[in-house]
Amino acid sequence: MASRVRSLARIALLAALIAAGAWISLPIGQVPFTLQVLVVVLVALVLPPYEAGMAVAVYLLAGAVGAPVFSGGRAGLQVFAGPSGGYLVGFLLGAVAGAWLRQALRGRASEVAADVVASVAVIAAVYLVGWAHIAFVVAAGPVAAFAAGVLPFVALDAAKAAGAIAVARVLRAAGIVSR
């Protein structure tokens, strides 16, 4: 029972942190800059795959039903049909894939290597789904969609991933989350 309560608390806390990451929102073309990628990478680094997926799913569900948790305080299903909708879906796929990869690499690679591989997987999933979605929604070709929806964010997201790795290491060292 206590482990289930801890699991639910981790899921709820990280879902709330993803929402908080949306509050820092700066427009960069069709897709805003937020701190959500940092938190989604952190989710993948500190939670097992099921909990990682649930944390992002809770966040997405909250926004879908009307809680203003998406960038710019937006909410509702229509956000998923807009230019940033694919990135939101990519958060879910990326968090699960990253958490799964990190778990699979545990004991086979160094902690840093596992964190880096998991972080790259998260960001790659977010970019792939977001890129495809923005190309469709904006009716842009793949090169134009890449230039608008991926390229401006690569350096920023690499820095966010590095920050998430650093935070995850501190949380693990403090015993707040398991290795």
N, C-alpha and C. Protein backbone atom coordinates (compact mmCIF):
# COMPACT_ATOMS: atom_id res chain seq x y z
N MET A 1 0.82 -1.20 0.00
CA MET A 1 0.00 0.00 0.00
C MET A 1 0.87 1.27 0.00
N ALA A 2 1.90 1.29 0.84
CA ALA A 2 2.75 2.47 0.92
C ALA A 2 3.48 2.71 -0.41
N SER A 3 3.91 1.63 -1.07
CA SER A 3 4.61 1.82 -2.34
C SER A 3 3.66 2.34 -3.41
N ARG A 4 2.41 1.93 -3.36
CA ARG A 4 1.42 2.44 -4.32
C ARG A 4 1.15 3.93 -4.09
N VAL A 5 1.09 4.32 -2.85
CA VAL A 5 0.89 5.73 -2.52
C VAL A 5 2.08 6.55 -2.99
N ARG A 6 3.29 6.04 -2.77
CA ARG A 6 4.49 6.75 -3.25
C ARG A 6 4.48 6.86 -4.77
N SER A 7 4.07 5.80 -5.45
CA SER A 7 3.99 5.82 -6.90
C SER A 7 3.00 6.88 -7.38
N LEU A 8 1.83 6.91 -6.78
CA LEU A 8 0.82 7.91 -7.16
C LEU A 8 1.30 9.32 -6.86
N ALA A 9 2.01 9.49 -5.76
CA ALA A 9 2.54 10.82 -5.42
C ALA A 9 3.59 11.25 -6.44
N ARG A 10 4.46 10.34 -6.85
CA ARG A 10 5.48 10.68 -7.87
C ARG A 10 4.80 11.06 -9.18
N ILE A 11 3.80 10.28 -9.58
CA ILE A 11 3.08 10.56 -10.83
C ILE A 11 2.43 11.94 -10.77
N ALA A 12 1.74 12.22 -9.69
CA ALA A 12 1.04 13.51 -9.55
C ALA A 12 2.03 14.67 -9.50
N LEU A 13 3.11 14.51 -8.74
CA LEU A 13 4.09 15.58 -8.63
C LEU A 13 4.74 15.89 -9.97
N LEU A 14 5.12 14.87 -10.70
CA LEU A 14 5.79 15.12 -11.98
C LEU A 14 4.81 15.61 -13.04
N ALA A 15 3.55 15.18 -12.99
CA ALA A 15 2.54 15.75 -13.89
C ALA A 15 2.39 17.25 -13.62
N ALA A 16 2.38 17.62 -12.34
CA ALA A 16 2.28 19.03 -11.98
C ALA A 16 3.52 19.81 -12.44
N LEU A 17 4.69 19.19 -12.35
CA LEU A 17 5.91 19.86 -12.80
C LEU A 17 5.91 20.07 -14.32
N ILE A 18 5.34 19.12 -15.07
CA ILE A 18 5.23 19.32 -16.52
C ILE A 18 4.34 20.53 -16.79
N ALA A 19 3.24 20.62 -16.07
CA ALA A 19 2.34 21.77 -16.24
C ALA A 19 3.05 23.06 -15.87
N ALA A 20 3.81 23.05 -14.79
CA ALA A 20 4.55 24.24 -14.38
C ALA A 20 5.57 24.63 -15.43
N GLY A 21 6.16 23.63 -16.09
CA GLY A 21 7.12 23.90 -17.17
C GLY A 21 6.49 24.64 -18.33
N ALA A 22 5.19 24.51 -18.50
CA ALA A 22 4.50 25.22 -19.59
C ALA A 22 4.32 26.70 -19.28
N TRP A 23 4.38 27.07 -18.01
CA TRP A 23 4.18 28.47 -17.65
C TRP A 23 5.32 29.35 -18.15
N ILE A 24 6.50 28.78 -18.27
CA ILE A 24 7.64 29.52 -18.84
C ILE A 24 7.50 29.31 -20.34
N SER A 25 6.93 30.25 -21.01
CA SER A 25 6.61 30.07 -22.43
C SER A 25 7.00 31.30 -23.23
N LEU A 26 7.90 31.10 -24.18
CA LEU A 26 8.31 32.18 -25.06
C LEU A 26 8.03 31.76 -26.50
N PRO A 27 7.36 32.60 -27.26
CA PRO A 27 7.05 32.21 -28.64
C PRO A 27 8.30 32.16 -29.52
N ILE A 28 8.43 31.04 -30.22
CA ILE A 28 9.49 30.89 -31.24
C ILE A 28 8.76 30.32 -32.45
N GLY A 29 8.23 31.18 -33.27
CA GLY A 29 7.47 30.71 -34.42
C GLY A 29 6.16 30.08 -34.01
N GLN A 30 5.84 28.94 -34.63
CA GLN A 30 4.56 28.27 -34.40
C GLN A 30 4.53 27.49 -33.08
N VAL A 31 5.71 27.12 -32.57
CA VAL A 31 5.80 26.29 -31.38
C VAL A 31 6.57 27.07 -30.32
N PRO A 32 6.03 27.18 -29.09
CA PRO A 32 6.70 27.98 -28.08
C PRO A 32 7.86 27.24 -27.40
N PHE A 33 8.79 28.01 -26.87
CA PHE A 33 9.84 27.49 -26.01
C PHE A 33 9.24 27.36 -24.62
N THR A 34 9.35 26.20 -24.01
CA THR A 34 8.91 25.98 -22.63
C THR A 34 9.98 25.15 -21.91
N LEU A 35 9.78 24.96 -20.63
CA LEU A 35 10.67 24.09 -19.86
C LEU A 35 10.12 22.67 -19.77
N GLN A 36 9.07 22.38 -20.53
CA GLN A 36 8.46 21.06 -20.44
C GLN A 36 9.39 19.93 -20.87
N VAL A 37 10.21 20.15 -21.86
CA VAL A 37 11.13 19.10 -22.29
C VAL A 37 12.07 18.73 -21.15
N LEU A 38 12.55 19.73 -20.41
CA LEU A 38 13.39 19.45 -19.26
C LEU A 38 12.68 18.50 -18.30
N VAL A 39 11.43 18.80 -17.98
CA VAL A 39 10.69 17.98 -17.02
C VAL A 39 10.37 16.60 -17.60
N VAL A 40 10.02 16.53 -18.87
CA VAL A 40 9.72 15.23 -19.48
C VAL A 40 10.97 14.35 -19.50
N VAL A 41 12.12 14.93 -19.77
CA VAL A 41 13.37 14.16 -19.69
C VAL A 41 13.59 13.71 -18.25
N LEU A 42 13.38 14.59 -17.29
CA LEU A 42 13.52 14.23 -15.88
C LEU A 42 12.58 13.08 -15.52
N VAL A 43 11.36 13.14 -16.01
CA VAL A 43 10.39 12.05 -15.77
C VAL A 43 10.97 10.72 -16.23
N ALA A 44 11.55 10.70 -17.42
CA ALA A 44 12.11 9.46 -17.97
C ALA A 44 13.32 8.99 -17.17
N LEU A 45 14.03 9.91 -16.54
CA LEU A 45 15.25 9.54 -15.82
C LEU A 45 15.00 9.08 -14.40
N VAL A 46 13.86 9.46 -13.82
CA VAL A 46 13.64 9.12 -12.40
C VAL A 46 12.46 8.19 -12.16
N LEU A 47 11.66 7.90 -13.18
CA LEU A 47 10.50 7.02 -12.99
C LEU A 47 10.64 5.78 -13.85
N PRO A 48 10.04 4.67 -13.41
CA PRO A 48 9.96 3.51 -14.29
C PRO A 48 8.99 3.81 -15.44
N PRO A 49 9.05 3.02 -16.52
CA PRO A 49 8.25 3.33 -17.71
C PRO A 49 6.75 3.54 -17.44
N TYR A 50 6.14 2.68 -16.64
CA TYR A 50 4.70 2.82 -16.37
C TYR A 50 4.40 4.16 -15.71
N GLU A 51 5.16 4.49 -14.67
CA GLU A 51 4.93 5.75 -13.97
C GLU A 51 5.24 6.96 -14.85
N ALA A 52 6.28 6.84 -15.68
CA ALA A 52 6.62 7.93 -16.59
C ALA A 52 5.45 8.19 -17.55
N GLY A 53 4.91 7.12 -18.12
CA GLY A 53 3.76 7.26 -19.01
C GLY A 53 2.55 7.83 -18.31
N MET A 54 2.32 7.37 -17.09
CA MET A 54 1.16 7.87 -16.35
C MET A 54 1.31 9.34 -15.99
N ALA A 55 2.51 9.78 -15.62
CA ALA A 55 2.72 11.19 -15.27
C ALA A 55 2.38 12.09 -16.46
N VAL A 56 2.86 11.71 -17.64
CA VAL A 56 2.59 12.52 -18.82
C VAL A 56 1.11 12.39 -19.22
N ALA A 57 0.55 11.19 -19.11
CA ALA A 57 -0.86 10.99 -19.45
C ALA A 57 -1.77 11.82 -18.54
N VAL A 58 -1.45 11.89 -17.26
CA VAL A 58 -2.25 12.71 -16.33
C VAL A 58 -2.18 14.17 -16.76
N TYR A 59 -0.99 14.64 -17.09
CA TYR A 59 -0.83 16.02 -17.56
C TYR A 59 -1.65 16.27 -18.83
N LEU A 60 -1.54 15.37 -19.80
CA LEU A 60 -2.26 15.54 -21.06
C LEU A 60 -3.78 15.49 -20.84
N LEU A 61 -4.23 14.58 -20.00
CA LEU A 61 -5.66 14.47 -19.71
C LEU A 61 -6.17 15.73 -19.02
N ALA A 62 -5.39 16.25 -18.08
CA ALA A 62 -5.80 17.49 -17.40
C ALA A 62 -5.99 18.62 -18.41
N GLY A 63 -5.05 18.75 -19.32
CA GLY A 63 -5.18 19.79 -20.35
C GLY A 63 -6.33 19.54 -21.30
N ALA A 64 -6.53 18.28 -21.67
CA ALA A 64 -7.60 17.93 -22.61
C ALA A 64 -8.98 18.24 -22.05
N VAL A 65 -9.15 18.08 -20.74
CA VAL A 65 -10.47 18.32 -20.14
C VAL A 65 -10.67 19.76 -19.70
N GLY A 66 -9.68 20.63 -19.92
CA GLY A 66 -9.91 22.04 -19.68
C GLY A 66 -9.01 22.73 -18.67
N ALA A 67 -8.14 22.01 -18.00
CA ALA A 67 -7.21 22.68 -17.07
C ALA A 67 -6.19 23.45 -17.91
N PRO A 68 -5.92 24.70 -17.58
CA PRO A 68 -5.01 25.51 -18.40
C PRO A 68 -3.54 25.18 -18.16
N VAL A 69 -3.15 23.98 -18.57
CA VAL A 69 -1.80 23.48 -18.28
C VAL A 69 -0.88 23.47 -19.49
N PHE A 70 -1.38 23.80 -20.66
CA PHE A 70 -0.55 23.83 -21.85
C PHE A 70 0.09 25.21 -21.96
N SER A 71 1.08 25.35 -22.82
CA SER A 71 1.80 26.63 -22.93
C SER A 71 0.84 27.78 -23.16
N GLY A 72 1.15 28.90 -22.56
CA GLY A 72 0.30 30.07 -22.70
C GLY A 72 -1.02 29.96 -21.97
N GLY A 73 -1.15 29.00 -21.06
CA GLY A 73 -2.39 28.82 -20.31
C GLY A 73 -3.51 28.23 -21.14
N ARG A 74 -3.16 27.61 -22.26
CA ARG A 74 -4.19 27.03 -23.12
C ARG A 74 -4.68 25.70 -22.55
N ALA A 75 -5.84 25.29 -23.02
CA ALA A 75 -6.44 24.03 -22.58
C ALA A 75 -7.41 23.54 -23.64
N GLY A 76 -7.80 22.29 -23.53
CA GLY A 76 -8.82 21.72 -24.40
C GLY A 76 -8.23 20.86 -25.51
N LEU A 77 -9.11 20.07 -26.10
CA LEU A 77 -8.69 19.16 -27.16
C LEU A 77 -8.18 19.89 -28.40
N GLN A 78 -8.64 21.12 -28.63
CA GLN A 78 -8.22 21.85 -29.82
C GLN A 78 -6.71 22.11 -29.81
N VAL A 79 -6.08 22.12 -28.65
CA VAL A 79 -4.63 22.32 -28.59
C VAL A 79 -3.90 21.17 -29.30
N PHE A 80 -4.47 19.97 -29.21
CA PHE A 80 -3.85 18.82 -29.86
C PHE A 80 -3.93 18.93 -31.39
N ALA A 81 -4.89 19.70 -31.89
CA ALA A 81 -5.03 19.87 -33.33
C ALA A 81 -4.17 21.03 -33.85
N GLY A 82 -3.60 21.82 -32.95
CA GLY A 82 -2.77 22.95 -33.35
C GLY A 82 -1.32 22.54 -33.59
N PRO A 83 -0.48 23.50 -33.92
CA PRO A 83 0.91 23.20 -34.27
C PRO A 83 1.70 22.48 -33.18
N SER A 84 1.40 22.73 -31.92
CA SER A 84 2.18 22.09 -30.85
C SER A 84 1.58 20.77 -30.37
N GLY A 85 0.48 20.35 -30.95
CA GLY A 85 -0.18 19.11 -30.51
C GLY A 85 0.69 17.87 -30.63
N GLY A 86 1.47 17.78 -31.69
CA GLY A 86 2.34 16.61 -31.87
C GLY A 86 3.42 16.53 -30.82
N TYR A 87 3.90 17.67 -30.38
CA TYR A 87 4.93 17.68 -29.34
C TYR A 87 4.35 17.16 -28.03
N LEU A 88 3.10 17.50 -27.76
CA LEU A 88 2.44 17.00 -26.55
C LEU A 88 2.34 15.47 -26.58
N VAL A 89 1.91 14.93 -27.71
CA VAL A 89 1.85 13.46 -27.85
C VAL A 89 3.26 12.88 -27.77
N GLY A 90 4.22 13.57 -28.36
CA GLY A 90 5.61 13.13 -28.29
C GLY A 90 6.13 13.07 -26.86
N PHE A 91 5.63 13.95 -25.98
CA PHE A 91 6.02 13.87 -24.57
C PHE A 91 5.70 12.50 -23.99
N LEU A 92 4.51 12.00 -24.31
CA LEU A 92 4.10 10.69 -23.78
C LEU A 92 4.98 9.58 -24.32
N LEU A 93 5.14 9.54 -25.63
CA LEU A 93 5.97 8.51 -26.24
C LEU A 93 7.42 8.61 -25.78
N GLY A 94 7.93 9.82 -25.72
CA GLY A 94 9.31 10.03 -25.31
C GLY A 94 9.57 9.64 -23.87
N ALA A 95 8.66 9.99 -22.98
CA ALA A 95 8.85 9.65 -21.56
C ALA A 95 8.89 8.14 -21.36
N VAL A 96 7.97 7.44 -22.01
CA VAL A 96 7.94 5.97 -21.87
C VAL A 96 9.18 5.35 -22.51
N ALA A 97 9.53 5.78 -23.71
CA ALA A 97 10.70 5.22 -24.40
C ALA A 97 11.98 5.51 -23.62
N GLY A 98 12.13 6.74 -23.15
CA GLY A 98 13.32 7.10 -22.39
C GLY A 98 13.43 6.32 -21.09
N ALA A 99 12.32 6.20 -20.37
CA ALA A 99 12.34 5.45 -19.10
C ALA A 99 12.64 3.98 -19.36
N TRP A 100 12.07 3.44 -20.43
CA TRP A 100 12.32 2.03 -20.76
C TRP A 100 13.80 1.81 -21.11
N LEU A 101 14.35 2.70 -21.93
CA LEU A 101 15.76 2.58 -22.30
C LEU A 101 16.67 2.71 -21.08
N ARG A 102 16.37 3.67 -20.22
CA ARG A 102 17.20 3.85 -19.03
C ARG A 102 17.15 2.61 -18.17
N GLN A 103 15.98 2.05 -18.01
CA GLN A 103 15.83 0.83 -17.21
C GLN A 103 16.57 -0.33 -17.86
N ALA A 104 16.48 -0.44 -19.18
CA ALA A 104 17.16 -1.53 -19.90
C ALA A 104 18.68 -1.40 -19.81
N LEU A 105 19.18 -0.18 -19.75
CA LEU A 105 20.62 0.04 -19.70
C LEU A 105 21.20 -0.02 -18.29
N ARG A 106 20.34 0.00 -17.30
CA ARG A 106 20.82 -0.02 -15.92
C ARG A 106 21.63 -1.28 -15.67
N GLY A 107 22.84 -1.12 -15.21
CA GLY A 107 23.72 -2.25 -14.96
C GLY A 107 24.54 -2.64 -16.18
N ARG A 108 24.15 -2.21 -17.35
CA ARG A 108 24.89 -2.53 -18.59
C ARG A 108 25.75 -1.37 -19.06
N ALA A 109 25.41 -0.18 -18.62
CA ALA A 109 26.15 1.02 -19.01
C ALA A 109 26.29 1.90 -17.77
N SER A 110 27.17 2.86 -17.83
CA SER A 110 27.30 3.78 -16.70
C SER A 110 26.00 4.56 -16.54
N GLU A 111 25.83 5.09 -15.35
CA GLU A 111 24.62 5.88 -15.08
C GLU A 111 24.53 7.07 -16.03
N VAL A 112 25.66 7.73 -16.26
CA VAL A 112 25.67 8.89 -17.16
C VAL A 112 25.30 8.47 -18.58
N ALA A 113 25.87 7.38 -19.05
CA ALA A 113 25.56 6.91 -20.41
C ALA A 113 24.08 6.55 -20.52
N ALA A 114 23.54 5.87 -19.53
CA ALA A 114 22.12 5.52 -19.55
C ALA A 114 21.25 6.77 -19.56
N ASP A 115 21.65 7.77 -18.79
CA ASP A 115 20.89 9.03 -18.75
C ASP A 115 20.95 9.75 -20.09
N VAL A 116 22.12 9.78 -20.71
CA VAL A 116 22.26 10.47 -22.00
C VAL A 116 21.45 9.76 -23.08
N VAL A 117 21.54 8.43 -23.14
CA VAL A 117 20.77 7.68 -24.14
C VAL A 117 19.28 7.89 -23.93
N ALA A 118 18.83 7.82 -22.69
CA ALA A 118 17.41 8.03 -22.39
C ALA A 118 16.97 9.44 -22.78
N SER A 119 17.81 10.43 -22.49
CA SER A 119 17.47 11.82 -22.82
C SER A 119 17.36 12.02 -24.32
N VAL A 120 18.29 11.45 -25.06
CA VAL A 120 18.25 11.55 -26.52
C VAL A 120 16.98 10.88 -27.05
N ALA A 121 16.61 9.75 -26.47
CA ALA A 121 15.39 9.06 -26.91
C ALA A 121 14.15 9.91 -26.66
N VAL A 122 14.10 10.55 -25.51
CA VAL A 122 12.95 11.42 -25.20
C VAL A 122 12.85 12.53 -26.24
N ILE A 123 13.94 13.24 -26.44
CA ILE A 123 13.92 14.38 -27.35
C ILE A 123 13.67 13.94 -28.79
N ALA A 124 14.24 12.82 -29.19
CA ALA A 124 14.01 12.32 -30.55
C ALA A 124 12.54 12.00 -30.77
N ALA A 125 11.91 11.36 -29.80
CA ALA A 125 10.48 11.03 -29.92
C ALA A 125 9.63 12.30 -30.00
N VAL A 126 9.94 13.26 -29.15
CA VAL A 126 9.19 14.52 -29.16
C VAL A 126 9.35 15.21 -30.52
N TYR A 127 10.58 15.26 -31.01
CA TYR A 127 10.82 15.91 -32.30
C TYR A 127 10.15 15.17 -33.45
N LEU A 128 10.26 13.85 -33.48
CA LEU A 128 9.69 13.11 -34.61
C LEU A 128 8.18 13.28 -34.70
N VAL A 129 7.50 13.13 -33.57
CA VAL A 129 6.04 13.26 -33.59
C VAL A 129 5.66 14.72 -33.84
N GLY A 130 6.36 15.65 -33.17
CA GLY A 130 6.06 17.07 -33.36
C GLY A 130 6.32 17.54 -34.77
N TRP A 131 7.42 17.09 -35.35
CA TRP A 131 7.79 17.46 -36.71
C TRP A 131 6.75 16.96 -37.71
N ALA A 132 6.35 15.72 -37.59
CA ALA A 132 5.34 15.17 -38.50
C ALA A 132 4.02 15.91 -38.34
N HIS A 133 3.66 16.20 -37.10
CA HIS A 133 2.38 16.87 -36.84
C HIS A 133 2.39 18.30 -37.37
N ILE A 134 3.47 19.02 -37.13
CA ILE A 134 3.51 20.42 -37.59
C ILE A 134 3.52 20.48 -39.12
N ALA A 135 4.17 19.51 -39.77
CA ALA A 135 4.15 19.47 -41.24
C ALA A 135 2.73 19.30 -41.74
N PHE A 136 1.95 18.47 -41.06
CA PHE A 136 0.57 18.21 -41.45
C PHE A 136 -0.32 19.42 -41.15
N VAL A 137 -0.24 19.95 -39.94
CA VAL A 137 -1.13 21.03 -39.51
C VAL A 137 -0.87 22.33 -40.26
N VAL A 138 0.39 22.63 -40.49
CA VAL A 138 0.73 23.88 -41.15
C VAL A 138 0.80 23.69 -42.67
N ALA A 139 0.66 22.46 -43.11
CA ALA A 139 0.75 22.12 -44.54
C ALA A 139 2.08 22.56 -45.11
N ALA A 140 3.13 22.24 -44.36
CA ALA A 140 4.49 22.59 -44.79
C ALA A 140 5.20 21.33 -45.24
N GLY A 141 6.17 21.48 -46.07
CA GLY A 141 7.00 20.35 -46.46
C GLY A 141 7.88 19.94 -45.29
N PRO A 142 8.50 18.77 -45.40
CA PRO A 142 9.32 18.28 -44.28
C PRO A 142 10.49 19.21 -43.93
N VAL A 143 11.10 19.83 -44.91
CA VAL A 143 12.24 20.71 -44.63
C VAL A 143 11.76 21.97 -43.91
N ALA A 144 10.68 22.56 -44.39
CA ALA A 144 10.13 23.75 -43.74
C ALA A 144 9.65 23.44 -42.33
N ALA A 145 9.01 22.29 -42.16
CA ALA A 145 8.53 21.89 -40.83
C ALA A 145 9.71 21.66 -39.89
N PHE A 146 10.78 21.06 -40.38
CA PHE A 146 11.98 20.84 -39.57
C PHE A 146 12.58 22.19 -39.17
N ALA A 147 12.66 23.10 -40.12
CA ALA A 147 13.24 24.42 -39.85
C ALA A 147 12.41 25.19 -38.83
N ALA A 148 11.09 25.00 -38.84
CA ALA A 148 10.22 25.73 -37.92
C ALA A 148 10.05 25.02 -36.59
N GLY A 149 9.99 23.70 -36.61
CA GLY A 149 9.59 22.97 -35.41
C GLY A 149 10.66 22.17 -34.71
N VAL A 150 11.85 22.07 -35.29
CA VAL A 150 12.91 21.30 -34.65
C VAL A 150 14.18 22.14 -34.51
N LEU A 151 14.67 22.64 -35.60
CA LEU A 151 15.97 23.31 -35.63
C LEU A 151 16.13 24.41 -34.57
N PRO A 152 15.13 25.28 -34.35
CA PRO A 152 15.33 26.34 -33.36
C PRO A 152 15.47 25.83 -31.93
N PHE A 153 15.12 24.56 -31.70
CA PHE A 153 15.06 24.05 -30.34
C PHE A 153 16.19 23.10 -29.97
N VAL A 154 16.99 22.68 -30.93
CA VAL A 154 17.99 21.63 -30.67
C VAL A 154 18.96 22.03 -29.56
N ALA A 155 19.58 23.16 -29.67
CA ALA A 155 20.56 23.58 -28.65
C ALA A 155 19.88 23.80 -27.30
N LEU A 156 18.70 24.43 -27.33
CA LEU A 156 17.97 24.67 -26.08
C LEU A 156 17.59 23.36 -25.41
N ASP A 157 17.11 22.40 -26.19
CA ASP A 157 16.70 21.12 -25.61
C ASP A 157 17.89 20.30 -25.14
N ALA A 158 19.03 20.44 -25.79
CA ALA A 158 20.24 19.77 -25.30
C ALA A 158 20.62 20.33 -23.93
N ALA A 159 20.51 21.63 -23.77
CA ALA A 159 20.80 22.25 -22.47
C ALA A 159 19.79 21.81 -21.42
N LYS A 160 18.51 21.72 -21.82
CA LYS A 160 17.49 21.26 -20.88
C LYS A 160 17.74 19.82 -20.47
N ALA A 161 18.15 18.98 -21.41
CA ALA A 161 18.46 17.58 -21.09
C ALA A 161 19.63 17.49 -20.13
N ALA A 162 20.65 18.32 -20.34
CA ALA A 162 21.79 18.34 -19.42
C ALA A 162 21.34 18.75 -18.03
N GLY A 163 20.45 19.72 -17.96
CA GLY A 163 19.90 20.13 -16.67
C GLY A 163 19.10 19.02 -16.00
N ALA A 164 18.31 18.31 -16.78
CA ALA A 164 17.51 17.20 -16.24
C ALA A 164 18.42 16.09 -15.72
N ILE A 165 19.50 15.80 -16.46
CA ILE A 165 20.45 14.78 -16.02
C ILE A 165 21.08 15.19 -14.69
N ALA A 166 21.46 16.45 -14.57
CA ALA A 166 22.06 16.94 -13.33
C ALA A 166 21.07 16.84 -12.17
N VAL A 167 19.83 17.22 -12.39
CA VAL A 167 18.82 17.15 -11.33
C VAL A 167 18.57 15.69 -10.94
N ALA A 168 18.47 14.81 -11.93
CA ALA A 168 18.23 13.39 -11.64
C ALA A 168 19.37 12.81 -10.80
N ARG A 169 20.60 13.18 -11.12
CA ARG A 169 21.76 12.68 -10.36
C ARG A 169 21.68 13.15 -8.91
N VAL A 170 21.29 14.41 -8.70
CA VAL A 170 21.16 14.94 -7.35
C VAL A 170 20.05 14.21 -6.59
N LEU A 171 18.92 14.00 -7.26
CA LEU A 171 17.80 13.29 -6.62
C LEU A 171 18.18 11.86 -6.25
N ARG A 172 18.92 11.20 -7.13
CA ARG A 172 19.36 9.83 -6.84
C ARG A 172 20.37 9.81 -5.68
N ALA A 173 21.31 10.72 -5.71
CA ALA A 173 22.34 10.78 -4.66
C ALA A 173 21.71 11.07 -3.29
N ALA A 174 20.65 11.86 -3.28
CA ALA A 174 19.97 12.19 -2.04
C ALA A 174 19.02 11.08 -1.60
N GLY A 175 18.85 10.06 -2.44
CA GLY A 175 17.95 8.97 -2.10
C GLY A 175 16.48 9.29 -2.29
N ILE A 176 16.19 10.39 -2.98
CA ILE A 176 14.80 10.80 -3.19
C ILE A 176 14.14 9.90 -4.22
N VAL A 177 14.91 9.48 -5.22
CA VAL A 177 14.43 8.51 -6.21
C VAL A 177 15.44 7.37 -6.28
N SER A 178 15.00 6.24 -6.78
CA SER A 178 15.91 5.09 -6.85
C SER A 178 16.83 5.21 -8.05
N ARG A 179 17.90 4.48 -7.99
CA ARG A 179 18.88 4.49 -9.07
C ARG A 179 18.35 3.65 -10.19
